[in-house]
């Protein structure tokens, strides 16, 4: 679902790219997957600080009614540590629909997974407004546990012959639809 605002906005989501990644550990680079918008720091090791450049861009023309100058910020949010950190994004001279900024992350600020999204702002009739948003990136700091399978599937995989629990109507009793709550017997309604 796309949010509609009463001011002009970009129609599509902006694309973000991560490059110029620098880690405090020598010769170590995190896995950056631009196709799935995911950066994995789980295999990096015992890192303390990480820095990279985030570039947000779109091919759309700027909506009419907005100021020519676009600004923005990248919002890094992590529910495990309950942190939301904004990083400024600035317009590049070569392309007016491209914003760029540096993201500096400390290991103490993140745990589990974090989300990084760019939000684009401009002024509309003298008031700053959000006019665009990027596709969110997932930053994996520590991989979570694998999901467990249901109990019935676990017992079957161990070679158990017991069947999963049955419903009452599978034991010979047919389910009854109770249409009247005043009658003592729902199958013979007196109404």
N, C-alpha and C. Protein backbone atom coordinates (compact mmCIF):
# COMPACT_ATOMS: atom_id res chain seq x y z
N UNK A 1 0.83 -1.16 0.00
CA UNK A 1 0.00 0.00 0.00
C UNK A 1 0.88 1.23 0.00
N UNK A 2 0.56 2.18 -0.83
CA UNK A 2 1.31 3.41 -0.94
C UNK A 2 0.57 4.51 -0.20
N UNK A 3 1.29 5.25 0.63
CA UNK A 3 0.68 6.34 1.38
C UNK A 3 0.50 7.53 0.44
N UNK A 4 -0.66 8.13 0.48
CA UNK A 4 -0.92 9.31 -0.34
C UNK A 4 -0.94 10.53 0.56
N UNK A 5 -0.19 11.53 0.15
CA UNK A 5 -0.12 12.77 0.90
C UNK A 5 -0.82 13.88 0.12
N UNK A 6 -1.25 14.93 0.81
CA UNK A 6 -1.90 16.05 0.10
C UNK A 6 -0.89 17.02 -0.50
N UNK A 7 0.33 16.57 -0.75
CA UNK A 7 1.33 17.37 -1.43
C UNK A 7 2.03 16.48 -2.45
N UNK A 8 2.71 17.05 -3.42
CA UNK A 8 3.36 16.24 -4.47
C UNK A 8 4.45 15.35 -3.90
N UNK A 9 4.50 14.10 -4.36
CA UNK A 9 5.51 13.14 -3.94
C UNK A 9 6.01 12.37 -5.15
N UNK A 10 7.12 11.66 -4.98
CA UNK A 10 7.61 10.76 -6.02
C UNK A 10 6.72 9.53 -6.04
N UNK A 11 6.46 9.00 -7.24
CA UNK A 11 5.55 7.86 -7.37
C UNK A 11 6.19 6.56 -6.90
N UNK A 12 7.41 6.31 -7.30
CA UNK A 12 8.06 5.04 -6.96
C UNK A 12 9.04 5.18 -5.82
N UNK A 13 9.54 4.01 -5.37
CA UNK A 13 10.53 4.01 -4.31
C UNK A 13 11.92 4.30 -4.88
N UNK A 14 12.73 4.96 -4.13
CA UNK A 14 14.10 5.26 -4.52
C UNK A 14 14.95 4.01 -4.31
N UNK A 15 16.02 3.90 -5.08
CA UNK A 15 16.97 2.80 -4.94
C UNK A 15 18.18 3.29 -4.16
N UNK A 16 18.69 2.46 -3.29
CA UNK A 16 19.88 2.80 -2.50
C UNK A 16 21.00 1.84 -2.84
N UNK A 17 22.18 2.37 -2.84
CA UNK A 17 23.37 1.56 -3.04
C UNK A 17 24.36 1.80 -1.92
N UNK A 18 25.03 0.75 -1.51
CA UNK A 18 26.05 0.84 -0.46
C UNK A 18 27.40 0.58 -1.11
N UNK A 19 28.34 1.52 -0.90
CA UNK A 19 29.69 1.34 -1.42
C UNK A 19 30.68 2.00 -0.47
N UNK A 20 31.96 1.89 -0.77
CA UNK A 20 33.04 2.44 0.03
C UNK A 20 32.94 1.99 1.49
N UNK A 21 32.79 0.68 1.68
CA UNK A 21 32.65 0.12 3.03
C UNK A 21 34.03 0.02 3.68
N UNK A 22 34.13 0.58 4.89
CA UNK A 22 35.38 0.52 5.65
C UNK A 22 35.08 -0.03 7.04
N UNK A 23 35.87 -1.01 7.43
CA UNK A 23 35.72 -1.64 8.74
C UNK A 23 37.00 -1.40 9.54
N UNK A 24 36.88 -1.42 10.88
CA UNK A 24 38.06 -1.22 11.70
C UNK A 24 39.00 -2.43 11.69
N UNK A 25 38.54 -3.56 11.21
CA UNK A 25 39.39 -4.74 11.06
C UNK A 25 40.06 -4.71 9.69
N UNK A 26 41.35 -4.96 9.62
CA UNK A 26 42.03 -4.92 8.32
C UNK A 26 41.63 -6.10 7.43
N UNK A 27 41.53 -5.83 6.16
CA UNK A 27 41.26 -6.85 5.13
C UNK A 27 39.96 -7.62 5.36
N UNK A 28 38.98 -6.98 5.96
CA UNK A 28 37.69 -7.63 6.19
C UNK A 28 36.59 -6.77 5.57
N UNK A 29 35.76 -7.40 4.75
CA UNK A 29 34.65 -6.70 4.12
C UNK A 29 33.36 -7.46 4.39
N UNK A 30 32.28 -6.76 4.75
CA UNK A 30 30.99 -7.45 4.92
C UNK A 30 30.41 -7.84 3.57
N UNK A 31 29.51 -8.79 3.60
CA UNK A 31 28.84 -9.25 2.38
C UNK A 31 27.70 -8.28 2.06
N UNK A 32 27.79 -7.59 0.93
CA UNK A 32 26.76 -6.64 0.50
C UNK A 32 26.07 -7.24 -0.71
N UNK A 33 24.75 -7.50 -0.59
CA UNK A 33 23.96 -8.07 -1.68
C UNK A 33 22.96 -7.01 -2.15
N UNK A 34 23.29 -6.36 -3.26
CA UNK A 34 22.44 -5.29 -3.79
C UNK A 34 21.13 -5.79 -4.38
N UNK A 35 21.09 -7.06 -4.76
CA UNK A 35 19.86 -7.62 -5.34
C UNK A 35 18.78 -7.83 -4.29
N UNK A 36 19.17 -8.26 -3.09
CA UNK A 36 18.19 -8.51 -2.04
C UNK A 36 18.20 -7.41 -0.97
N UNK A 37 18.96 -6.34 -1.21
CA UNK A 37 19.03 -5.19 -0.29
C UNK A 37 19.39 -5.67 1.12
N UNK A 38 20.55 -6.34 1.22
CA UNK A 38 20.95 -6.95 2.47
C UNK A 38 22.47 -6.83 2.64
N UNK A 39 22.89 -6.46 3.85
CA UNK A 39 24.31 -6.44 4.18
C UNK A 39 24.50 -7.29 5.42
N UNK A 40 25.40 -8.27 5.34
CA UNK A 40 25.63 -9.19 6.44
C UNK A 40 26.96 -8.87 7.12
N UNK A 41 26.86 -8.59 8.42
CA UNK A 41 28.04 -8.34 9.22
C UNK A 41 28.34 -9.51 10.14
N UNK A 42 27.59 -10.60 9.99
CA UNK A 42 27.73 -11.75 10.88
C UNK A 42 29.08 -12.44 10.72
N UNK A 43 29.63 -12.47 9.50
CA UNK A 43 30.88 -13.16 9.25
C UNK A 43 32.10 -12.25 9.37
N UNK A 44 31.88 -10.98 9.70
CA UNK A 44 32.99 -10.03 9.74
C UNK A 44 33.92 -10.31 10.90
N UNK A 45 33.40 -10.76 12.00
CA UNK A 45 34.23 -11.02 13.17
C UNK A 45 33.92 -10.02 14.28
N UNK A 46 34.92 -9.71 15.06
CA UNK A 46 34.74 -8.84 16.22
C UNK A 46 35.01 -7.38 15.83
N UNK A 47 34.14 -6.79 15.07
CA UNK A 47 34.31 -5.42 14.61
C UNK A 47 33.75 -4.46 15.66
N UNK A 48 34.26 -3.24 15.66
CA UNK A 48 33.80 -2.22 16.60
C UNK A 48 33.19 -1.03 15.89
N UNK A 49 33.68 -0.70 14.69
CA UNK A 49 33.16 0.45 13.94
C UNK A 49 33.13 0.11 12.46
N UNK A 50 32.11 0.65 11.80
CA UNK A 50 31.92 0.41 10.36
C UNK A 50 31.44 1.71 9.73
N UNK A 51 31.92 2.00 8.55
CA UNK A 51 31.53 3.21 7.84
C UNK A 51 31.31 2.86 6.37
N UNK A 52 30.27 3.44 5.76
CA UNK A 52 30.02 3.23 4.34
C UNK A 52 29.26 4.41 3.77
N UNK A 53 29.25 4.50 2.46
CA UNK A 53 28.54 5.56 1.76
C UNK A 53 27.23 5.01 1.23
N UNK A 54 26.15 5.72 1.50
CA UNK A 54 24.83 5.35 1.01
C UNK A 54 24.42 6.35 -0.07
N UNK A 55 24.04 5.84 -1.23
CA UNK A 55 23.60 6.68 -2.33
C UNK A 55 22.16 6.33 -2.66
N UNK A 56 21.27 7.30 -2.56
CA UNK A 56 19.85 7.12 -2.90
C UNK A 56 19.59 7.85 -4.21
N UNK A 57 18.90 7.17 -5.14
CA UNK A 57 18.65 7.80 -6.44
C UNK A 57 17.33 7.33 -7.03
N UNK A 58 16.82 8.14 -7.96
CA UNK A 58 15.63 7.78 -8.72
C UNK A 58 15.76 8.35 -10.12
N UNK A 59 15.05 7.74 -11.07
CA UNK A 59 15.03 8.23 -12.44
C UNK A 59 13.82 9.12 -12.70
N UNK A 60 12.94 9.24 -11.72
CA UNK A 60 11.75 10.08 -11.89
C UNK A 60 12.12 11.56 -11.88
N UNK A 61 11.29 12.33 -12.55
CA UNK A 61 11.46 13.77 -12.49
C UNK A 61 10.88 14.26 -11.16
N UNK A 62 11.43 15.36 -10.69
CA UNK A 62 10.95 15.93 -9.44
C UNK A 62 9.51 16.40 -9.60
N UNK A 63 8.62 16.07 -8.66
CA UNK A 63 7.22 16.50 -8.79
C UNK A 63 7.09 18.02 -8.82
N UNK A 64 6.11 18.50 -9.55
CA UNK A 64 5.89 19.95 -9.65
C UNK A 64 5.35 20.49 -8.34
N UNK A 65 5.76 21.68 -8.00
CA UNK A 65 5.32 22.32 -6.77
C UNK A 65 6.32 22.24 -5.65
N UNK A 66 7.35 21.41 -5.83
CA UNK A 66 8.39 21.29 -4.80
C UNK A 66 9.51 22.26 -5.11
N UNK A 67 10.27 22.63 -4.07
CA UNK A 67 11.49 23.40 -4.30
C UNK A 67 12.46 22.54 -5.10
N UNK A 68 13.38 23.18 -5.79
CA UNK A 68 14.34 22.44 -6.59
C UNK A 68 15.29 21.61 -5.73
N UNK A 69 15.52 22.02 -4.51
CA UNK A 69 16.52 21.36 -3.69
C UNK A 69 15.90 20.23 -2.87
N UNK A 70 16.44 19.03 -3.04
CA UNK A 70 16.03 17.87 -2.26
C UNK A 70 17.06 17.63 -1.16
N UNK A 71 16.58 17.27 0.00
CA UNK A 71 17.45 16.85 1.10
C UNK A 71 16.92 15.52 1.60
N UNK A 72 17.57 14.96 2.54
CA UNK A 72 17.06 13.70 3.07
C UNK A 72 17.91 13.20 4.21
N UNK A 73 17.53 12.04 4.69
CA UNK A 73 18.28 11.39 5.74
C UNK A 73 18.10 9.90 5.61
N UNK A 74 19.10 9.18 6.10
CA UNK A 74 19.02 7.73 6.17
C UNK A 74 18.71 7.39 7.62
N UNK A 75 17.69 6.59 7.83
CA UNK A 75 17.26 6.23 9.17
C UNK A 75 17.66 4.78 9.45
N UNK A 76 18.55 4.61 10.42
CA UNK A 76 18.97 3.28 10.85
C UNK A 76 18.20 2.94 12.11
N UNK A 77 17.40 1.89 12.06
CA UNK A 77 16.60 1.51 13.23
C UNK A 77 16.85 0.05 13.56
N UNK A 78 16.96 -0.21 14.86
CA UNK A 78 17.22 -1.56 15.36
C UNK A 78 16.28 -1.80 16.54
N UNK A 79 15.36 -2.74 16.40
CA UNK A 79 14.40 -3.00 17.47
C UNK A 79 15.04 -3.71 18.66
N UNK A 80 16.11 -4.45 18.45
CA UNK A 80 16.77 -5.16 19.56
C UNK A 80 17.42 -4.21 20.55
N UNK A 81 18.00 -3.12 20.03
CA UNK A 81 18.64 -2.15 20.90
C UNK A 81 17.80 -0.90 21.10
N UNK A 82 16.63 -0.87 20.45
CA UNK A 82 15.69 0.25 20.56
C UNK A 82 16.37 1.58 20.19
N UNK A 83 16.98 1.57 19.04
CA UNK A 83 17.69 2.77 18.60
C UNK A 83 17.23 3.17 17.21
N UNK A 84 17.15 4.47 16.99
CA UNK A 84 16.86 5.04 15.66
C UNK A 84 17.83 6.18 15.45
N UNK A 85 18.70 6.02 14.47
CA UNK A 85 19.74 7.02 14.22
C UNK A 85 19.60 7.60 12.83
N UNK A 86 19.44 8.94 12.71
CA UNK A 86 19.38 9.55 11.39
C UNK A 86 20.78 9.98 10.93
N UNK A 87 21.03 9.86 9.64
CA UNK A 87 22.27 10.30 9.02
C UNK A 87 21.90 11.19 7.84
N UNK A 88 22.45 12.40 7.74
CA UNK A 88 22.05 13.31 6.67
C UNK A 88 22.50 12.84 5.29
N UNK A 89 21.65 13.09 4.32
CA UNK A 89 21.96 12.83 2.91
C UNK A 89 21.91 14.16 2.17
N UNK A 90 22.89 14.39 1.29
CA UNK A 90 22.99 15.65 0.59
C UNK A 90 22.89 15.43 -0.91
N UNK A 91 22.37 16.43 -1.61
CA UNK A 91 22.19 16.36 -3.06
C UNK A 91 23.55 16.41 -3.74
N UNK A 92 23.70 15.59 -4.76
CA UNK A 92 24.94 15.59 -5.54
C UNK A 92 24.82 16.58 -6.68
N UNK A 93 25.94 17.16 -7.06
CA UNK A 93 25.93 18.17 -8.12
C UNK A 93 25.64 17.58 -9.49
N UNK A 94 26.10 16.36 -9.75
CA UNK A 94 25.94 15.77 -11.08
C UNK A 94 24.48 15.43 -11.39
N UNK A 95 23.74 14.94 -10.40
CA UNK A 95 22.37 14.49 -10.61
C UNK A 95 21.49 15.07 -9.51
N UNK A 96 20.49 15.89 -9.85
CA UNK A 96 19.65 16.48 -8.81
C UNK A 96 18.77 15.46 -8.09
N UNK A 97 18.53 14.30 -8.69
CA UNK A 97 17.72 13.26 -8.05
C UNK A 97 18.59 12.16 -7.46
N UNK A 98 19.71 12.56 -6.89
CA UNK A 98 20.61 11.62 -6.23
C UNK A 98 21.13 12.26 -4.95
N UNK A 99 20.97 11.54 -3.86
CA UNK A 99 21.43 12.00 -2.55
C UNK A 99 22.48 11.04 -2.03
N UNK A 100 23.45 11.57 -1.28
CA UNK A 100 24.53 10.72 -0.80
C UNK A 100 24.94 11.16 0.60
N UNK A 101 25.32 10.20 1.42
CA UNK A 101 25.78 10.49 2.77
C UNK A 101 26.60 9.35 3.32
N UNK A 102 27.29 9.63 4.41
CA UNK A 102 28.14 8.64 5.07
C UNK A 102 27.43 8.11 6.30
N UNK A 103 27.43 6.80 6.44
CA UNK A 103 26.82 6.12 7.58
C UNK A 103 27.94 5.57 8.44
N UNK A 104 27.98 5.98 9.70
CA UNK A 104 28.98 5.49 10.66
C UNK A 104 28.25 4.69 11.73
N UNK A 105 28.61 3.42 11.87
CA UNK A 105 27.93 2.51 12.80
C UNK A 105 28.92 2.04 13.85
N UNK A 106 28.49 2.03 15.09
CA UNK A 106 29.25 1.44 16.19
C UNK A 106 28.62 0.09 16.53
N UNK A 107 29.44 -0.89 16.86
CA UNK A 107 28.94 -2.24 17.18
C UNK A 107 28.05 -2.23 18.41
N UNK A 108 28.27 -1.30 19.32
CA UNK A 108 27.47 -1.22 20.54
C UNK A 108 26.04 -0.77 20.28
N UNK A 109 25.79 -0.16 19.11
CA UNK A 109 24.46 0.36 18.80
C UNK A 109 23.53 -0.68 18.20
N UNK A 110 24.06 -1.79 17.69
CA UNK A 110 23.24 -2.74 16.94
C UNK A 110 23.32 -4.15 17.53
N UNK A 111 22.23 -4.88 17.34
CA UNK A 111 22.16 -6.30 17.70
C UNK A 111 21.10 -6.95 16.81
N UNK A 112 21.27 -8.21 16.50
CA UNK A 112 20.28 -8.90 15.67
C UNK A 112 20.28 -8.36 14.25
N UNK A 113 19.16 -7.78 13.84
CA UNK A 113 19.07 -7.17 12.53
C UNK A 113 18.62 -5.71 12.68
N UNK A 114 19.01 -4.91 11.72
CA UNK A 114 18.64 -3.50 11.69
C UNK A 114 18.11 -3.17 10.31
N UNK A 115 17.36 -2.09 10.21
CA UNK A 115 16.79 -1.64 8.95
C UNK A 115 17.33 -0.27 8.62
N UNK A 116 17.73 -0.08 7.37
CA UNK A 116 18.24 1.20 6.89
C UNK A 116 17.37 1.65 5.73
N UNK A 117 16.77 2.83 5.86
CA UNK A 117 15.90 3.36 4.81
C UNK A 117 16.22 4.84 4.62
N UNK A 118 16.16 5.30 3.37
CA UNK A 118 16.39 6.72 3.07
C UNK A 118 15.03 7.40 2.88
N UNK A 119 14.88 8.55 3.51
CA UNK A 119 13.66 9.34 3.33
C UNK A 119 14.06 10.68 2.72
N UNK A 120 13.35 11.07 1.66
CA UNK A 120 13.68 12.25 0.89
C UNK A 120 12.71 13.36 1.29
N UNK A 121 13.25 14.56 1.47
CA UNK A 121 12.42 15.68 1.90
C UNK A 121 12.64 16.88 0.97
N UNK A 122 11.64 17.73 0.92
CA UNK A 122 11.70 18.99 0.19
C UNK A 122 10.67 19.92 0.81
N UNK A 123 10.73 21.18 0.43
CA UNK A 123 9.74 22.12 0.94
C UNK A 123 8.58 22.23 -0.04
N UNK A 124 7.38 22.27 0.51
CA UNK A 124 6.17 22.47 -0.27
C UNK A 124 5.41 23.61 0.39
N UNK A 125 5.29 24.72 -0.31
CA UNK A 125 4.64 25.93 0.20
C UNK A 125 5.24 26.38 1.53
N UNK A 126 6.57 26.29 1.61
CA UNK A 126 7.28 26.78 2.78
C UNK A 126 7.38 25.83 3.95
N UNK A 127 6.83 24.62 3.83
CA UNK A 127 6.86 23.65 4.91
C UNK A 127 7.64 22.41 4.47
N UNK A 128 8.62 21.94 5.29
CA UNK A 128 9.35 20.72 4.92
C UNK A 128 8.42 19.50 4.92
N UNK A 129 8.51 18.69 3.88
CA UNK A 129 7.65 17.50 3.74
C UNK A 129 8.48 16.31 3.26
N UNK A 130 8.06 15.12 3.66
CA UNK A 130 8.64 13.88 3.12
C UNK A 130 8.01 13.66 1.75
N UNK A 131 8.84 13.55 0.73
CA UNK A 131 8.33 13.41 -0.63
C UNK A 131 8.75 12.10 -1.29
N UNK A 132 9.57 11.31 -0.62
CA UNK A 132 10.00 10.03 -1.20
C UNK A 132 10.63 9.15 -0.14
N UNK A 133 10.69 7.87 -0.48
CA UNK A 133 11.24 6.88 0.45
C UNK A 133 11.93 5.80 -0.38
N UNK A 134 12.97 5.21 0.19
CA UNK A 134 13.71 4.18 -0.54
C UNK A 134 13.23 2.79 -0.15
N UNK A 135 13.68 1.82 -0.90
CA UNK A 135 13.48 0.42 -0.54
C UNK A 135 14.37 0.16 0.66
N UNK A 136 13.84 -0.42 1.75
CA UNK A 136 14.67 -0.62 2.95
C UNK A 136 15.73 -1.70 2.77
N UNK A 137 16.87 -1.47 3.40
CA UNK A 137 17.96 -2.44 3.46
C UNK A 137 17.91 -3.13 4.81
N UNK A 138 18.27 -4.40 4.84
CA UNK A 138 18.40 -5.15 6.08
C UNK A 138 19.88 -5.33 6.38
N UNK A 139 20.27 -4.96 7.59
CA UNK A 139 21.65 -5.14 8.03
C UNK A 139 21.64 -6.23 9.09
N UNK A 140 22.28 -7.35 8.78
CA UNK A 140 22.32 -8.49 9.70
C UNK A 140 23.60 -8.39 10.51
N UNK A 141 23.45 -8.17 11.81
CA UNK A 141 24.60 -8.10 12.70
C UNK A 141 24.88 -9.47 13.30
N UNK A 142 23.82 -10.11 13.80
CA UNK A 142 23.90 -11.46 14.35
C UNK A 142 22.77 -12.26 13.75
N UNK A 143 23.05 -13.39 13.12
CA UNK A 143 21.95 -14.17 12.56
C UNK A 143 21.06 -14.73 13.65
N UNK A 144 19.77 -14.71 13.44
CA UNK A 144 18.81 -15.23 14.41
C UNK A 144 18.69 -16.73 14.32
N UNK A 145 17.95 -17.33 15.24
CA UNK A 145 17.77 -18.79 15.21
C UNK A 145 16.88 -19.18 14.03
N UNK A 146 17.09 -20.38 13.55
CA UNK A 146 16.26 -20.89 12.47
C UNK A 146 14.86 -21.18 13.01
N UNK A 147 13.84 -20.98 12.20
CA UNK A 147 12.49 -21.27 12.68
C UNK A 147 12.31 -22.76 12.93
N UNK A 148 11.58 -23.09 13.98
CA UNK A 148 11.35 -24.49 14.30
C UNK A 148 10.09 -24.98 13.58
N UNK A 149 10.08 -26.27 13.31
CA UNK A 149 8.94 -26.84 12.61
C UNK A 149 7.86 -27.20 13.64
N UNK A 150 6.62 -27.37 13.20
CA UNK A 150 5.56 -27.78 14.12
C UNK A 150 5.85 -29.14 14.75
N UNK A 151 5.25 -29.41 15.90
CA UNK A 151 5.52 -30.64 16.64
C UNK A 151 5.16 -31.88 15.84
N UNK A 152 4.08 -31.81 15.08
CA UNK A 152 3.68 -33.00 14.32
C UNK A 152 4.70 -33.32 13.23
N UNK A 153 5.30 -32.31 12.64
CA UNK A 153 6.31 -32.58 11.63
C UNK A 153 7.59 -33.10 12.26
N UNK A 154 7.94 -32.62 13.46
CA UNK A 154 9.14 -33.12 14.14
C UNK A 154 8.98 -34.59 14.49
N UNK A 155 7.79 -34.97 14.98
CA UNK A 155 7.62 -36.37 15.38
C UNK A 155 7.65 -37.28 14.16
N UNK A 156 7.14 -36.83 13.04
CA UNK A 156 7.19 -37.66 11.82
C UNK A 156 8.61 -37.78 11.30
N UNK A 157 9.39 -36.72 11.44
CA UNK A 157 10.76 -36.79 10.92
C UNK A 157 11.63 -37.70 11.77
N UNK A 158 11.26 -37.97 13.02
CA UNK A 158 12.03 -38.86 13.87
C UNK A 158 11.61 -40.32 13.72
N UNK A 159 10.68 -40.58 12.84
CA UNK A 159 10.26 -41.95 12.60
C UNK A 159 9.08 -42.37 13.45
N UNK A 160 8.39 -41.47 14.10
CA UNK A 160 7.24 -41.81 14.92
C UNK A 160 6.07 -42.18 14.03
N UNK A 161 5.31 -43.16 14.47
CA UNK A 161 4.14 -43.59 13.69
C UNK A 161 2.86 -42.99 14.24
N UNK A 162 2.95 -42.23 15.31
CA UNK A 162 1.72 -41.65 15.86
C UNK A 162 1.20 -40.56 14.94
N UNK A 163 -0.10 -40.52 14.84
CA UNK A 163 -0.74 -39.54 13.98
C UNK A 163 -0.94 -38.24 14.75
N UNK A 164 -1.10 -37.14 14.05
CA UNK A 164 -1.36 -35.89 14.73
C UNK A 164 -2.73 -35.93 15.40
N UNK A 165 -3.00 -35.07 16.37
CA UNK A 165 -4.28 -35.09 17.06
C UNK A 165 -5.44 -34.92 16.08
N UNK A 166 -6.56 -35.59 16.40
CA UNK A 166 -7.72 -35.55 15.52
C UNK A 166 -8.76 -34.58 16.05
N UNK A 167 -9.65 -34.17 15.20
CA UNK A 167 -10.76 -33.28 15.55
C UNK A 167 -11.90 -34.13 16.10
N UNK A 168 -12.79 -33.56 16.93
CA UNK A 168 -13.90 -34.35 17.50
C UNK A 168 -14.79 -34.97 16.44
N UNK A 169 -15.02 -34.28 15.32
CA UNK A 169 -15.92 -34.84 14.31
C UNK A 169 -15.28 -35.97 13.52
N UNK A 170 -13.97 -36.15 13.64
CA UNK A 170 -13.36 -37.27 12.94
C UNK A 170 -13.51 -38.56 13.73
N UNK A 171 -14.06 -38.50 14.96
CA UNK A 171 -14.28 -39.69 15.78
C UNK A 171 -15.73 -40.18 15.68
N UNK A 172 -16.45 -39.80 14.65
CA UNK A 172 -17.80 -40.30 14.46
C UNK A 172 -18.88 -39.29 14.77
N UNK A 173 -18.57 -38.21 15.43
CA UNK A 173 -19.58 -37.19 15.71
C UNK A 173 -19.49 -36.11 14.66
N UNK A 174 -20.60 -35.77 14.11
CA UNK A 174 -20.62 -34.70 13.11
C UNK A 174 -20.65 -33.35 13.81
N UNK A 175 -19.99 -32.36 13.25
CA UNK A 175 -20.05 -31.04 13.86
C UNK A 175 -21.46 -30.46 13.72
N UNK A 176 -21.91 -29.77 14.75
CA UNK A 176 -23.24 -29.17 14.71
C UNK A 176 -23.10 -27.67 14.66
N UNK A 177 -23.94 -27.09 13.87
CA UNK A 177 -23.98 -25.64 13.77
C UNK A 177 -25.09 -25.14 14.68
N UNK A 178 -24.74 -24.41 15.65
CA UNK A 178 -25.71 -23.94 16.63
C UNK A 178 -26.33 -22.64 16.12
N UNK A 179 -27.57 -22.71 15.68
CA UNK A 179 -28.26 -21.55 15.16
C UNK A 179 -29.02 -20.79 16.23
N UNK A 180 -29.44 -21.48 17.27
CA UNK A 180 -30.25 -20.85 18.30
C UNK A 180 -29.61 -21.14 19.65
N UNK A 181 -29.32 -20.13 20.41
CA UNK A 181 -28.67 -20.30 21.71
C UNK A 181 -29.67 -20.46 22.85
N UNK A 182 -30.96 -20.35 22.54
CA UNK A 182 -31.97 -20.50 23.60
C UNK A 182 -32.46 -21.94 23.74
N UNK A 183 -32.30 -22.75 22.70
CA UNK A 183 -32.79 -24.12 22.72
C UNK A 183 -31.79 -25.04 23.41
N UNK A 184 -32.26 -26.04 24.16
CA UNK A 184 -31.35 -26.96 24.83
C UNK A 184 -30.64 -27.88 23.86
N UNK A 185 -31.28 -28.21 22.73
CA UNK A 185 -30.67 -29.07 21.73
C UNK A 185 -30.45 -28.25 20.46
N UNK A 186 -29.22 -28.02 20.09
CA UNK A 186 -28.99 -27.19 18.91
C UNK A 186 -29.42 -27.87 17.62
N UNK A 187 -29.46 -29.22 17.59
CA UNK A 187 -29.84 -29.89 16.36
C UNK A 187 -31.34 -29.81 16.11
N UNK A 188 -32.15 -29.64 17.15
CA UNK A 188 -33.60 -29.51 17.01
C UNK A 188 -34.02 -28.17 17.58
N UNK A 189 -33.99 -27.19 16.76
CA UNK A 189 -34.32 -25.83 17.17
C UNK A 189 -35.85 -25.69 17.31
N UNK A 190 -36.30 -25.06 18.38
CA UNK A 190 -37.74 -24.89 18.60
C UNK A 190 -38.26 -23.55 18.06
N UNK A 191 -37.39 -22.75 17.53
CA UNK A 191 -37.82 -21.42 17.06
C UNK A 191 -38.52 -21.44 15.73
